[in-house]
C-alpha cells in the first residue's frame, strides 16, 4: 500500500488527541484494521471517518468497546436492509 494512503497511528492519535491503546483495541475488536510494517503501524485514510465516529462515541458519549461493536453490527444491518429496499424498489418501479 502506498504511503500516501495511510497515516501512522502515532500521528493519528496526536491529531485526534486519543490514546494509542484505544486504536489498538478497536483493531482487536475488529472495528478497524491496522496495517503493520517493520517501521510503524498505520491506518488507511478510508478508515479515518470510522475512527472519528468511534472516538466520538467512546470519549464523548462514554460508550465502551462492546457497545461500539453492537452499534457497528446494527449499522451494518441497517445498511444491508437499505440496499435490499433500494434493490426491491428498482424491481418494482
Protein backbone atom coordinates (compact mmCIF):
# COMPACT_ATOMS: atom_id res chain seq x y z
CA UNK A 1 0.00 0.00 0.00
CA UNK A 2 1.30 3.43 -0.87
CA UNK A 3 2.40 5.71 1.96
CA UNK A 4 0.05 8.39 0.62
CA UNK A 5 -2.98 6.27 1.54
CA UNK A 6 -2.17 5.80 5.21
CA UNK A 7 -1.06 7.59 8.35
CA UNK A 8 0.88 6.30 11.32
CA UNK A 9 -1.08 5.56 14.46
CA UNK A 10 1.14 7.89 16.47
CA UNK A 11 0.43 10.84 14.16
CA UNK A 12 -3.25 9.99 14.09
CA UNK A 13 -3.52 9.83 17.87
CA UNK A 14 -1.79 13.18 18.27
CA UNK A 15 -4.16 14.77 15.75
CA UNK A 16 -7.31 13.31 17.33
CA UNK A 17 -5.97 13.60 20.90
CA UNK A 18 -6.65 9.94 21.69
CA UNK A 19 -4.63 7.14 23.23
CA UNK A 20 -2.85 4.63 21.00
CA UNK A 21 -4.21 1.84 23.20
CA UNK A 22 -7.74 2.85 22.15
CA UNK A 23 -6.82 2.45 18.47
CA UNK A 24 -5.21 -0.94 19.12
CA UNK A 25 -8.35 -2.07 20.99
CA UNK A 26 -10.51 -1.02 18.04
CA UNK A 27 -8.29 -3.21 15.87
CA UNK A 28 -8.51 -6.13 18.31
CA UNK A 29 -12.31 -5.90 18.31
CA UNK A 30 -12.43 -5.83 14.50
CA UNK A 31 -13.80 -2.31 14.27
CA UNK A 32 -10.85 -1.02 12.22
CA UNK A 33 -7.96 -2.77 10.51
CA UNK A 34 -4.41 -1.61 11.17
CA UNK A 35 -1.51 -2.11 8.78
CA UNK A 36 1.69 -3.27 10.44
CA UNK A 37 5.09 -2.82 8.86
CA UNK A 38 8.63 -3.05 10.15
CA UNK A 39 8.84 0.66 10.91
CA UNK A 40 5.37 1.53 12.23
CA UNK A 41 1.66 0.76 12.47
CA UNK A 42 -0.70 2.60 10.13
CA UNK A 43 -4.37 3.22 9.46
CA UNK A 44 -5.73 3.94 5.99
CA UNK A 45 -7.32 7.28 5.20
CA UNK A 46 -10.52 5.44 4.26
CA UNK A 47 -10.90 4.29 7.87
CA UNK A 48 -10.40 7.70 9.45
CA UNK A 49 -14.11 8.51 9.33
CA UNK A 50 -14.79 5.29 11.27
CA UNK A 51 -12.07 6.19 13.76
CA UNK A 52 -13.62 9.64 14.25
CA UNK A 53 -17.04 8.06 14.80
CA UNK A 54 -15.68 5.58 17.36
CA UNK A 55 -13.69 8.34 19.07
CA UNK A 56 -16.82 10.44 19.47
CA UNK A 57 -18.92 7.54 20.72
CA UNK A 58 -16.26 6.36 23.17
CA UNK A 59 -14.80 9.59 24.53
CA UNK A 60 -17.78 11.95 24.27
CA UNK A 61 -20.66 9.55 24.92
CA UNK A 62 -18.68 7.11 27.09
CA UNK A 63 -19.71 4.01 25.14
CA UNK A 64 -17.45 1.03 25.84
CA UNK A 65 -15.91 -1.21 23.17
CA UNK A 66 -18.64 -3.83 23.44
CA UNK A 67 -21.19 -1.08 22.83
CA UNK A 68 -19.20 0.11 19.81
CA UNK A 69 -19.26 -3.43 18.41
CA UNK A 70 -23.03 -3.58 18.88
CA UNK A 71 -23.53 -0.20 17.22
CA UNK A 72 -21.37 -1.25 14.26
CA UNK A 73 -23.30 -4.51 13.89
CA UNK A 74 -26.65 -2.70 13.94
CA UNK A 75 -25.47 -0.04 11.47
CA UNK A 76 -24.20 -2.77 9.14
CA UNK A 77 -27.61 -4.46 9.30
CA UNK A 78 -29.39 -1.17 8.55
CA UNK A 79 -27.08 -0.58 5.59
CA UNK A 80 -27.79 -4.06 4.20
CA UNK A 81 -31.54 -3.57 4.64
CA UNK A 82 -31.34 -0.20 2.87
CA UNK A 83 -29.55 -1.84 -0.07
CA UNK A 84 -32.21 -4.55 -0.20
CA UNK A 85 -35.03 -1.98 -0.14
CA UNK A 86 -33.37 0.01 -2.92
CA UNK A 87 -32.97 -3.16 -4.97
CA UNK A 88 -36.64 -4.08 -4.46
CA UNK A 89 -37.72 -0.55 -5.36
CA UNK A 90 -35.78 -0.88 -8.60
CA UNK A 91 -37.52 -4.16 -9.43
CA UNK A 92 -40.99 -2.78 -8.72
CA UNK A 93 -40.54 0.69 -10.25
